Amino acid sequence: MRRIERYDVSSIERPTRADLERLARRRLDARRRGNELVLTGVGERLRLLLAVTGLEEVFLMDGGSSEGGPDDAPEPEGLSDPGAEGLPVELLPKPGG
C-alpha cells in the first residue's frame, strides 16, 4: 500500500509555469519513493490552471483547506484501486499501442 505525502500549496496564489514544474517534480519524487502526493489547500486559480492544462487528472487533491493537520483530510480517491505500476487506469498504455 502506498503512503500518502500531503503537500500544502495554499501559498500559491498566482500559479505560474514554474509552480507547475515544481509540483510535477515533487509528484515524480514521491512516486519514486513509492508514495502518492496529495495536494492540500489548493486555491481556485491553481485548481483552474490544473484543469486547463489537464493536470487535475494527474494530481490528487484533498479539496479541503490546509488549516487542519495532515491527518484531518479525508483519504483521497484513487489510492485503493491503482492500475498496474500504480498508474491510474486511464493513464495506462493501451494493449498493442
PDB file of N, CA and C in Angstrom:
ATOM      1  N   MET A   1       0.847  -1.184   0.000  1.00  0.00           N
ATOM      2  CA  MET A   1       0.000   0.000   0.000  1.00  0.00           C
ATOM      3  C   MET A   1       0.888   1.242   0.000  1.00  0.00           C
ATOM      4  N   ARG A   2       0.511   2.202  -0.793  1.00  0.00           N
ATOM      5  CA  ARG A   2       1.281   3.439  -0.905  1.00  0.00           C
ATOM      6  C   ARG A   2       1.060   4.319   0.319  1.00  0.00           C
ATOM      7  N   ARG A   3       2.105   5.028   0.696  1.00  0.00           N
ATOM      8  CA  ARG A   3       1.993   6.049   1.730  1.00  0.00           C
ATOM      9  C   ARG A   3       1.594   7.352   1.056  1.00  0.00           C
ATOM     10  N   ILE A   4       0.929   8.200   1.802  1.00  0.00           N
ATOM     11  CA  ILE A   4       0.465   9.470   1.264  1.00  0.00           C
ATOM     12  C   ILE A   4       1.358  10.588   1.773  1.00  0.00           C
ATOM     13  N   GLU A   5       1.828  11.406   0.851  1.00  0.00           N
ATOM     14  CA  GLU A   5       2.567  12.612   1.190  1.00  0.00           C
ATOM     15  C   GLU A   5       1.662  13.794   0.882  1.00  0.00           C
ATOM     16  N   ARG A   6       1.337  14.569   1.891  1.00  0.00           N
ATOM     17  CA  ARG A   6       0.499  15.753   1.683  1.00  0.00           C
ATOM     18  C   ARG A   6       1.411  16.963   1.470  1.00  0.00           C
ATOM     19  N   TYR A   7       1.052  17.797   0.503  1.00  0.00           N
ATOM     20  CA  TYR A   7       1.839  18.980   0.178  1.00  0.00           C
ATOM     21  C   TYR A   7       0.918  20.184   0.160  1.00  0.00           C
ATOM     22  N   ASP A   8       1.147  21.119   1.074  1.00  0.00           N
ATOM     23  CA  ASP A   8       0.322  22.311   1.207  1.00  0.00           C
ATOM     24  C   ASP A   8       0.709  23.332   0.143  1.00  0.00           C
ATOM     25  N   VAL A   9      -0.231  23.646  -0.736  1.00  0.00           N
ATOM     26  CA  VAL A   9       0.018  24.599  -1.817  1.00  0.00           C
ATOM     27  C   VAL A   9      -0.794  25.878  -1.630  1.00  0.00           C
ATOM     28  N   SER A  10      -1.268  26.123  -0.415  1.00  0.00           N
ATOM     29  CA  SER A  10      -2.111  27.292  -0.167  1.00  0.00           C
ATOM     30  C   SER A  10      -1.358  28.602  -0.382  1.00  0.00           C
ATOM     31  N   SER A  11      -0.044  28.580  -0.358  1.00  0.00           N
ATOM     32  CA  SER A  11       0.736  29.805  -0.578  1.00  0.00           C
ATOM     33  C   SER A  11       0.836  30.170  -2.059  1.00  0.00           C
ATOM     34  N   ILE A  12       0.415  29.277  -2.939  1.00  0.00           N
ATOM     35  CA  ILE A  12       0.463  29.564  -4.383  1.00  0.00           C
ATOM     36  C   ILE A  12      -0.813  30.296  -4.763  1.00  0.00           C
ATOM     37  N   GLU A  13      -0.734  31.631  -4.767  1.00  0.00           N
ATOM     38  CA  GLU A  13      -1.909  32.443  -5.070  1.00  0.00           C
ATOM     39  C   GLU A  13      -2.036  32.740  -6.557  1.00  0.00           C
ATOM     40  N   ARG A  14      -0.907  32.950  -7.227  1.00  0.00           N
ATOM     41  CA  ARG A  14      -0.878  33.224  -8.670  1.00  0.00           C
ATOM     42  C   ARG A  14       0.043  32.202  -9.309  1.00  0.00           C
ATOM     43  N   PRO A  15      -0.488  31.021  -9.608  1.00  0.00           N
ATOM     44  CA  PRO A  15       0.368  29.939 -10.113  1.00  0.00           C
ATOM     45  C   PRO A  15       1.005  30.259 -11.460  1.00  0.00           C
ATOM     46  N   THR A  16       2.229  29.811 -11.609  1.00  0.00           N
ATOM     47  CA  THR A  16       2.996  30.011 -12.836  1.00  0.00           C
ATOM     48  C   THR A  16       3.441  28.663 -13.381  1.00  0.00           C
ATOM     49  N   ARG A  17       4.061  28.726 -14.551  1.00  0.00           N
ATOM     50  CA  ARG A  17       4.618  27.501 -15.134  1.00  0.00           C
ATOM     51  C   ARG A  17       5.657  26.894 -14.197  1.00  0.00           C
ATOM     52  N   ALA A  18       6.438  27.734 -13.549  1.00  0.00           N
ATOM     53  CA  ALA A  18       7.449  27.247 -12.610  1.00  0.00           C
ATOM     54  C   ALA A  18       6.800  26.492 -11.444  1.00  0.00           C
ATOM     55  N   ASP A  19       5.637  26.964 -10.984  1.00  0.00           N
ATOM     56  CA  ASP A  19       4.914  26.263  -9.922  1.00  0.00           C
ATOM     57  C   ASP A  19       4.474  24.881 -10.398  1.00  0.00           C
ATOM     58  N   LEU A  20       3.961  24.809 -11.634  1.00  0.00           N
ATOM     59  CA  LEU A  20       3.538  23.512 -12.178  1.00  0.00           C
ATOM     60  C   LEU A  20       4.718  22.568 -12.323  1.00  0.00           C
ATOM     61  N   GLU A  21       5.850  23.089 -12.756  1.00  0.00           N
ATOM     62  CA  GLU A  21       7.046  22.258 -12.883  1.00  0.00           C
ATOM     63  C   GLU A  21       7.490  21.731 -11.515  1.00  0.00           C
ATOM     64  N   ARG A  22       7.440  22.615 -10.501  1.00  0.00           N
ATOM     65  CA  ARG A  22       7.829  22.195  -9.154  1.00  0.00           C
ATOM     66  C   ARG A  22       6.882  21.110  -8.625  1.00  0.00           C
ATOM     67  N   LEU A  23       5.585  21.276  -8.862  1.00  0.00           N
ATOM     68  CA  LEU A  23       4.618  20.271  -8.417  1.00  0.00           C
ATOM     69  C   LEU A  23       4.823  18.946  -9.146  1.00  0.00           C
ATOM     70  N   ALA A  24       5.080  19.022 -10.438  1.00  0.00           N
ATOM     71  CA  ALA A  24       5.311  17.796 -11.209  1.00  0.00           C
ATOM     72  C   ALA A  24       6.558  17.071 -10.708  1.00  0.00           C
ATOM     73  N   ARG A  25       7.617  17.823 -10.415  1.00  0.00           N
ATOM     74  CA  ARG A  25       8.854  17.227  -9.895  1.00  0.00           C
ATOM     75  C   ARG A  25       8.613  16.590  -8.529  1.00  0.00           C
ATOM     76  N   ARG A  26       7.853  17.294  -7.692  1.00  0.00           N
ATOM     77  CA  ARG A  26       7.557  16.772  -6.354  1.00  0.00           C
ATOM     78  C   ARG A  26       6.739  15.478  -6.447  1.00  0.00           C
ATOM     79  N   ARG A  27       5.781  15.434  -7.383  1.00  0.00           N
ATOM     80  CA  ARG A  27       4.980  14.217  -7.569  1.00  0.00           C
ATOM     81  C   ARG A  27       5.862  13.074  -8.051  1.00  0.00           C
ATOM     82  N   LEU A  28       6.749  13.362  -8.997  1.00  0.00           N
ATOM     83  CA  LEU A  28       7.652  12.343  -9.514  1.00  0.00           C
ATOM     84  C   LEU A  28       8.553  11.801  -8.399  1.00  0.00           C
ATOM     85  N   ASP A  29       9.099  12.686  -7.593  1.00  0.00           N
ATOM     86  CA  ASP A  29       9.947  12.259  -6.475  1.00  0.00           C
ATOM     87  C   ASP A  29       9.178  11.384  -5.492  1.00  0.00           C
ATOM     88  N   ALA A  30       7.935  11.753  -5.203  1.00  0.00           N
ATOM     89  CA  ALA A  30       7.104  10.953  -4.293  1.00  0.00           C
ATOM     90  C   ALA A  30       6.860   9.569  -4.881  1.00  0.00           C
ATOM     91  N   ARG A  31       6.547   9.512  -6.169  1.00  0.00           N
ATOM     92  CA  ARG A  31       6.284   8.226  -6.813  1.00  0.00           C
ATOM     93  C   ARG A  31       7.519   7.339  -6.801  1.00  0.00           C
ATOM     94  N   ARG A  32       8.682   7.945  -6.991  1.00  0.00           N
ATOM     95  CA  ARG A  32       9.925   7.165  -6.960  1.00  0.00           C
ATOM     96  C   ARG A  32      10.172   6.557  -5.583  1.00  0.00           C
ATOM     97  N   ARG A  33       9.668   7.214  -4.550  1.00  0.00           N
ATOM     98  CA  ARG A  33       9.790   6.675  -3.191  1.00  0.00           C
ATOM     99  C   ARG A  33       8.666   5.695  -2.877  1.00  0.00           C
ATOM    100  N   GLY A  34       7.765   5.483  -3.834  1.00  0.00           N
ATOM    101  CA  GLY A  34       6.650   4.565  -3.631  1.00  0.00           C
ATOM    102  C   GLY A  34       5.468   5.208  -2.925  1.00  0.00           C
ATOM    103  N   ASN A  35       5.423   6.517  -2.921  1.00  0.00           N
ATOM    104  CA  ASN A  35       4.362   7.256  -2.247  1.00  0.00           C
ATOM    105  C   ASN A  35       3.461   7.955  -3.250  1.00  0.00           C
ATOM    106  N   GLU A  36       2.360   8.467  -2.754  1.00  0.00           N
ATOM    107  CA  GLU A  36       1.424   9.235  -3.571  1.00  0.00           C
ATOM    108  C   GLU A  36       1.361  10.646  -3.017  1.00  0.00           C
ATOM    109  N   LEU A  37       1.471  11.647  -3.880  1.00  0.00           N
ATOM    110  CA  LEU A  37       1.419  13.048  -3.480  1.00  0.00           C
ATOM    111  C   LEU A  37      -0.023  13.538  -3.528  1.00  0.00           C
ATOM    112  N   VAL A  38      -0.465  14.154  -2.445  1.00  0.00           N
ATOM    113  CA  VAL A  38      -1.799  14.736  -2.373  1.00  0.00           C
ATOM    114  C   VAL A  38      -1.641  16.217  -2.077  1.00  0.00           C
ATOM    115  N   LEU A  39      -2.198  17.053  -2.954  1.00  0.00           N
ATOM    116  CA  LEU A  39      -2.119  18.491  -2.766  1.00  0.00           C
ATOM    117  C   LEU A  39      -3.203  18.946  -1.794  1.00  0.00           C
ATOM    118  N   THR A  40      -2.826  19.779  -0.832  1.00  0.00           N
ATOM    119  CA  THR A  40      -3.789  20.333   0.112  1.00  0.00           C
ATOM    120  C   THR A  40      -3.802  21.849  -0.035  1.00  0.00           C
ATOM    121  N   GLY A  41      -4.913  22.458   0.337  1.00  0.00           N
ATOM    122  CA  GLY A  41      -5.023  23.905   0.277  1.00  0.00           C
ATOM    123  C   GLY A  41      -4.981  24.462  -1.135  1.00  0.00           C
ATOM    124  N   VAL A  42      -5.516  23.721  -2.086  1.00  0.00           N
ATOM    125  CA  VAL A  42      -5.476  24.142  -3.489  1.00  0.00           C
ATOM    126  C   VAL A  42      -6.455  25.298  -3.690  1.00  0.00           C
ATOM    127  N   GLY A  43      -5.924  26.436  -4.088  1.00  0.00           N
ATOM    128  CA  GLY A  43      -6.748  27.613  -4.331  1.00  0.00           C
ATOM    129  C   GLY A  43      -7.471  27.535  -5.667  1.00  0.00           C
ATOM    130  N   GLU A  44      -8.386  28.457  -5.850  1.00  0.00           N
ATOM    131  CA  GLU A  44      -9.216  28.470  -7.056  1.00  0.00           C
ATOM    132  C   GLU A  44      -8.374  28.631  -8.328  1.00  0.00           C
ATOM    133  N   ARG A  45      -7.388  29.528  -8.303  1.00  0.00           N
ATOM    134  CA  ARG A  45      -6.570  29.755  -9.504  1.00  0.00           C
ATOM    135  C   ARG A  45      -5.721  28.541  -9.851  1.00  0.00           C
ATOM    136  N   LEU A  46      -5.128  27.928  -8.839  1.00  0.00           N
ATOM    137  CA  LEU A  46      -4.317  26.741  -9.116  1.00  0.00           C
ATOM    138  C   LEU A  46      -5.199  25.604  -9.617  1.00  0.00           C
ATOM    139  N   ARG A  47      -6.353  25.445  -9.003  1.00  0.00           N
ATOM    140  CA  ARG A  47      -7.286  24.392  -9.439  1.00  0.00           C
ATOM    141  C   ARG A  47      -7.695  24.611 -10.900  1.00  0.00           C
ATOM    142  N   LEU A  48      -7.964  25.860 -11.262  1.00  0.00           N
ATOM    143  CA  LEU A  48      -8.337  26.181 -12.642  1.00  0.00           C
ATOM    144  C   LEU A  48      -7.176  25.909 -13.596  1.00  0.00           C
ATOM    145  N   LEU A  49      -5.967  26.307 -13.207  1.00  0.00           N
ATOM    146  CA  LEU A  49      -4.804  26.057 -14.058  1.00  0.00           C
ATOM    147  C   LEU A  49      -4.570  24.554 -14.243  1.00  0.00           C
ATOM    148  N   LEU A  50      -4.722  23.791 -13.178  1.00  0.00           N
ATOM    149  CA  LEU A  50      -4.578  22.337 -13.296  1.00  0.00           C
ATOM    150  C   LEU A  50      -5.637  21.762 -14.230  1.00  0.00           C
ATOM    151  N   ALA A  51      -6.844  22.303 -14.174  1.00  0.00           N
ATOM    152  CA  ALA A  51      -7.923  21.826 -15.050  1.00  0.00           C
ATOM    153  C   ALA A  51      -7.635  22.178 -16.505  1.00  0.00           C
ATOM    154  N   VAL A  52      -7.215  23.410 -16.759  1.00  0.00           N
ATOM    155  CA  VAL A  52      -6.958  23.870 -18.125  1.00  0.00           C
ATOM    156  C   VAL A  52      -5.815  23.081 -18.761  1.00  0.00           C
ATOM    157  N   THR A  53      -4.812  22.751 -17.972  1.00  0.00           N
ATOM    158  CA  THR A  53      -3.658  22.025 -18.501  1.00  0.00           C
ATOM    159  C   THR A  53      -3.857  20.510 -18.513  1.00  0.00           C
ATOM    160  N   GLY A  54      -4.971  20.037 -17.965  1.00  0.00           N
ATOM    161  CA  GLY A  54      -5.225  18.601 -17.912  1.00  0.00           C
ATOM    162  C   GLY A  54      -4.520  17.912 -16.755  1.00  0.00           C
ATOM    163  N   LEU A  55      -3.864  18.679 -15.907  1.00  0.00           N
ATOM    164  CA  LEU A  55      -3.115  18.077 -14.802  1.00  0.00           C
ATOM    165  C   LEU A  55      -3.991  17.715 -13.602  1.00  0.00           C
ATOM    166  N   GLU A  56      -5.244  18.144 -13.601  1.00  0.00           N
ATOM    167  CA  GLU A  56      -6.117  17.747 -12.500  1.00  0.00           C
ATOM    168  C   GLU A  56      -6.365  16.234 -12.522  1.00  0.00           C
ATOM    169  N   GLU A  57      -6.135  15.619 -13.671  1.00  0.00           N
ATOM    170  CA  GLU A  57      -6.264  14.168 -13.785  1.00  0.00           C
ATOM    171  C   GLU A  57      -5.036  13.457 -13.208  1.00  0.00           C
ATOM    172  N   VAL A  58      -3.952  14.176 -13.055  1.00  0.00           N
ATOM    173  CA  VAL A  58      -2.691  13.602 -12.584  1.00  0.00           C
ATOM    174  C   VAL A  58      -2.532  13.768 -11.086  1.00  0.00           C
ATOM    175  N   PHE A  59      -2.909  14.942 -10.570  1.00  0.00           N
ATOM    176  CA  PHE A  59      -2.723  15.236  -9.154  1.00  0.00           C
ATOM    177  C   PHE A  59      -3.946  14.868  -8.343  1.00  0.00           C
ATOM    178  N   LEU A  60      -3.701  14.303  -7.171  1.00  0.00           N
ATOM    179  CA  LEU A  60      -4.772  14.066  -6.215  1.00  0.00           C
ATOM    180  C   LEU A  60      -4.862  15.296  -5.329  1.00  0.00           C
ATOM    181  N   MET A  61      -6.093  15.755  -5.071  1.00  0.00           N
ATOM    182  CA  MET A  61      -6.306  16.921  -4.230  1.00  0.00           C
ATOM    183  C   MET A  61      -7.308  16.564  -3.152  1.00  0.00           C
ATOM    184  N   ASP A  62      -7.046  17.025  -1.920  1.00  0.00           N
ATOM    185  CA  ASP A  62      -7.955  16.682  -0.831  1.00  0.00           C
ATOM    186  C   ASP A  62      -9.194  17.550  -0.797  1.00  0.00           C
ATOM    187  N   GLY A  63      -9.168  18.689  -1.482  1.00  0.00           N
ATOM    188  CA  GLY A  63     -10.351  19.531  -1.565  1.00  0.00           C
ATOM    189  C   GLY A  63     -10.608  20.372  -0.344  1.00  0.00           C
ATOM    190  N   GLY A  64      -9.893  20.139   0.757  1.00  0.00           N
ATOM    191  CA  GLY A  64     -10.094  20.920   1.977  1.00  0.00           C
ATOM    192  C   GLY A  64      -9.072  22.021   2.089  1.00  0.00           C
ATOM    193  N   SER A  65      -9.205  22.782   3.137  1.00  0.00           N
ATOM    194  CA  SER A  65      -8.216  23.824   3.387  1.00  0.00           C
ATOM    195  C   SER A  65      -7.002  23.207   4.036  1.00  0.00           C
ATOM    196  N   SER A  66      -5.940  23.948   4.121  1.00  0.00           N
ATOM    197  CA  SER A  66      -4.713  23.430   4.699  1.00  0.00           C
ATOM    198  C   SER A  66      -4.624  23.741   6.182  1.00  0.00           C
ATOM    199  N   GLU A  67      -5.703  24.239   6.794  1.00  0.00           N
ATOM    200  CA  GLU A  67      -5.627  24.646   8.182  1.00  0.00           C
ATOM    201  C   GLU A  67      -5.616  23.472   9.135  1.00  0.00           C
ATOM    202  N   GLY A  68      -6.185  22.343   8.758  1.00  0.00           N
ATOM    203  CA  GLY A  68      -6.170  21.186   9.634  1.00  0.00           C
ATOM    204  C   GLY A  68      -4.824  20.497   9.558  1.00  0.00           C
ATOM    205  N   GLY A  69      -4.611  19.558  10.450  1.00  0.00           N
ATOM    206  CA  GLY A  69      -3.381  18.794  10.418  1.00  0.00           C
ATOM    207  C   GLY A  69      -3.389  17.823   9.268  1.00  0.00           C
ATOM    208  N   PRO A  70      -2.267  17.164   8.993  1.00  0.00           N
ATOM    209  CA  PRO A  70      -2.198  16.261   7.856  1.00  0.00           C
ATOM    210  C   PRO A  70      -3.150  15.085   7.955  1.00  0.00           C
ATOM    211  N   ASP A  71      -3.564  14.732   9.158  1.00  0.00           N
ATOM    212  CA  ASP A  71      -4.466  13.589   9.301  1.00  0.00           C
ATOM    213  C   ASP A  71      -5.927  13.996   9.281  1.00  0.00           C
ATOM    214  N   ASP A  72      -6.212  15.310   9.192  1.00  0.00           N
ATOM    215  CA  ASP A  72      -7.586  15.778   9.199  1.00  0.00           C
ATOM    216  C   ASP A  72      -8.282  15.600   7.860  1.00  0.00           C
ATOM    217  N   ALA A  73      -7.527  15.561   6.778  1.00  0.00           N
ATOM    218  CA  ALA A  73      -8.122  15.467   5.444  1.00  0.00           C
ATOM    219  C   ALA A  73      -8.583  14.043   5.175  1.00  0.00           C
ATOM    220  N   PRO A  74      -9.681  13.886   4.428  1.00  0.00           N
ATOM    221  CA  PRO A  74     -10.137  12.537   4.090  1.00  0.00           C
ATOM    222  C   PRO A  74      -9.153  11.864   3.143  1.00  0.00           C
ATOM    223  N   GLU A  75      -9.207  10.562   3.131  1.00  0.00           N
ATOM    224  CA  GLU A  75      -8.368   9.790   2.224  1.00  0.00           C
ATOM    225  C   GLU A  75      -8.768  10.103   0.791  1.00  0.00           C
ATOM    226  N   PRO A  76      -7.834  10.507  -0.059  1.00  0.00           N
ATOM    227  CA  PRO A  76      -8.192  10.835  -1.436  1.00  0.00           C
ATOM    228  C   PRO A  76      -8.626   9.601  -2.201  1.00  0.00           C
ATOM    229  N   GLU A  77      -9.487   9.828  -3.172  1.00  0.00           N
ATOM    230  CA  GLU A  77      -9.945   8.723  -4.004  1.00  0.00           C
ATOM    231  C   GLU A  77      -8.831   8.297  -4.948  1.00  0.00           C
ATOM    232  N   GLY A  78      -8.893   7.071  -5.402  1.00  0.00           N
ATOM    233  CA  GLY A  78      -7.952   6.614  -6.405  1.00  0.00           C
ATOM    234  C   GLY A  78      -6.777   5.831  -5.842  1.00  0.00           C
ATOM    235  N   LEU A  79      -6.621   5.786  -4.530  1.00  0.00           N
ATOM    236  CA  LEU A  79      -5.491   5.050  -3.973  1.00  0.00           C
ATOM    237  C   LEU A  79      -5.832   3.598  -3.687  1.00  0.00           C
ATOM    238  N   SER A  80      -7.115   3.297  -3.519  1.00  0.00           N
ATOM    239  CA  SER A  80      -7.474   1.946  -3.141  1.00  0.00           C
ATOM    240  C   SER A  80      -7.413   0.974  -4.309  1.00  0.00           C
ATOM    241  N   ASP A  81      -7.505   1.459  -5.549  1.00  0.00           N
ATOM    242  CA  ASP A  81      -7.529   0.567  -6.693  1.00  0.00           C
ATOM    243  C   ASP A  81      -6.666   1.107  -7.828  1.00  0.00           C
ATOM    244  N   PRO A  82      -5.343   1.224  -7.582  1.00  0.00           N
ATOM    245  CA  PRO A  82      -4.495   1.729  -8.666  1.00  0.00           C
ATOM    246  C   PRO A  82      -4.347   0.684  -9.747  1.00  0.00           C
ATOM    247  N   GLY A  83      -4.071   1.138 -10.957  1.00  0.00           N
ATOM    248  CA  GLY A  83      -3.815   0.222 -12.056  1.00  0.00           C
ATOM    249  C   GLY A  83      -2.427  -0.372 -11.932  1.00  0.00           C
ATOM    250  N   ALA A  84      -2.000  -1.125 -12.915  1.00  0.00           N
ATOM    251  CA  ALA A  84      -0.667  -1.700 -12.923  1.00  0.00           C
ATOM    252  C   ALA A  84       0.362  -0.598 -12.804  1.00  0.00           C
ATOM    253  N   GLU A  85       1.439  -0.874 -12.155  1.00  0.00           N
ATOM    254  CA  GLU A  85       2.531   0.070 -11.944  1.00  0.00           C
ATOM    255  C   GLU A  85       2.084   1.280 -11.150  1.00  0.00           C
ATOM    256  N   GLY A  86       0.941   1.213 -10.462  1.00  0.00           N
ATOM    257  CA  GLY A  86       0.485   2.311  -9.642  1.00  0.00           C
ATOM    258  C   GLY A  86      -0.102   3.473 -10.411  1.00  0.00           C
ATOM    259  N   LEU A  87      -0.261   3.340 -11.724  1.00  0.00           N
ATOM    260  CA  LEU A  87      -0.831   4.424 -12.519  1.00  0.00           C
ATOM    261  C   LEU A  87      -2.342   4.310 -12.540  1.00  0.00           C
ATOM    262  N   PRO A  88      -3.052   5.452 -12.565  1.00  0.00           N
ATOM    263  CA  PRO A  88      -4.500   5.361 -12.753  1.00  0.00           C
ATOM    264  C   PRO A  88      -4.795   4.623 -14.055  1.00  0.00           C
ATOM    265  N   VAL A  89      -5.866   3.878 -14.072  1.00  0.00           N
ATOM    266  CA  VAL A  89      -6.195   3.024 -15.216  1.00  0.00           C
ATOM    267  C   VAL A  89      -6.220   3.811 -16.513  1.00  0.00           C
ATOM    268  N   GLU A  90      -6.753   5.058 -16.484  1.00  0.00           N
ATOM    269  CA  GLU A  90      -6.859   5.822 -17.726  1.00  0.00           C
ATOM    270  C   GLU A  90      -5.506   6.283 -18.260  1.00  0.00           C
ATOM    271  N   LEU A  91      -4.429   6.187 -17.462  1.00  0.00           N
ATOM    272  CA  LEU A  91      -3.112   6.584 -17.920  1.00  0.00           C
ATOM    273  C   LEU A  91      -2.254   5.405 -18.387  1.00  0.00           C
ATOM    274  N   LEU A  92      -2.781   4.201 -18.235  1.00  0.00           N
ATOM    275  CA  LEU A  92      -2.028   3.022 -18.665  1.00  0.00           C
ATOM    276  C   LEU A  92      -1.986   2.931 -20.189  1.00  0.00           C
ATOM    277  N   PRO A  93      -0.890   2.455 -20.749  1.00  0.00           N
ATOM    278  CA  PRO A  93      -0.845   2.286 -22.203  1.00  0.00           C
ATOM    279  C   PRO A  93      -1.852   1.248 -22.652  1.00  0.00           C
ATOM    280  N   LYS A  94      -2.440   1.481 -23.796  1.00  0.00           N
ATOM    281  CA  LYS A  94      -3.416   0.522 -24.338  1.00  0.00           C
ATOM    282  C   LYS A  94      -2.660  -0.678 -24.919  1.00  0.00           C
ATOM    283  N   PRO A  95      -3.233  -1.871 -24.771  1.00  0.00           N
ATOM    284  CA  PRO A  95      -2.558  -3.068 -25.315  1.00  0.00           C
ATOM    285  C   PRO A  95      -2.327  -2.908 -26.813  1.00  0.00           C
ATOM    286  N   GLY A  96      -1.133  -3.262 -27.253  1.00  0.00           N
ATOM    287  CA  GLY A  96      -0.784  -3.194 -28.666  1.00  0.00           C
ATOM    288  C   GLY A  96      -0.485  -1.786 -29.150  1.00  0.00           C
ATOM    289  N   GLY A  97      -0.407  -0.808 -28.205  1.00  0.00           N
ATOM    290  CA  GLY A  97      -0.194   0.566 -28.653  1.00  0.00           C
ATOM    291  C   GLY A  97       0.960   1.245 -28.041  1.00  0.00           C
TER     292      GLY A  97
END
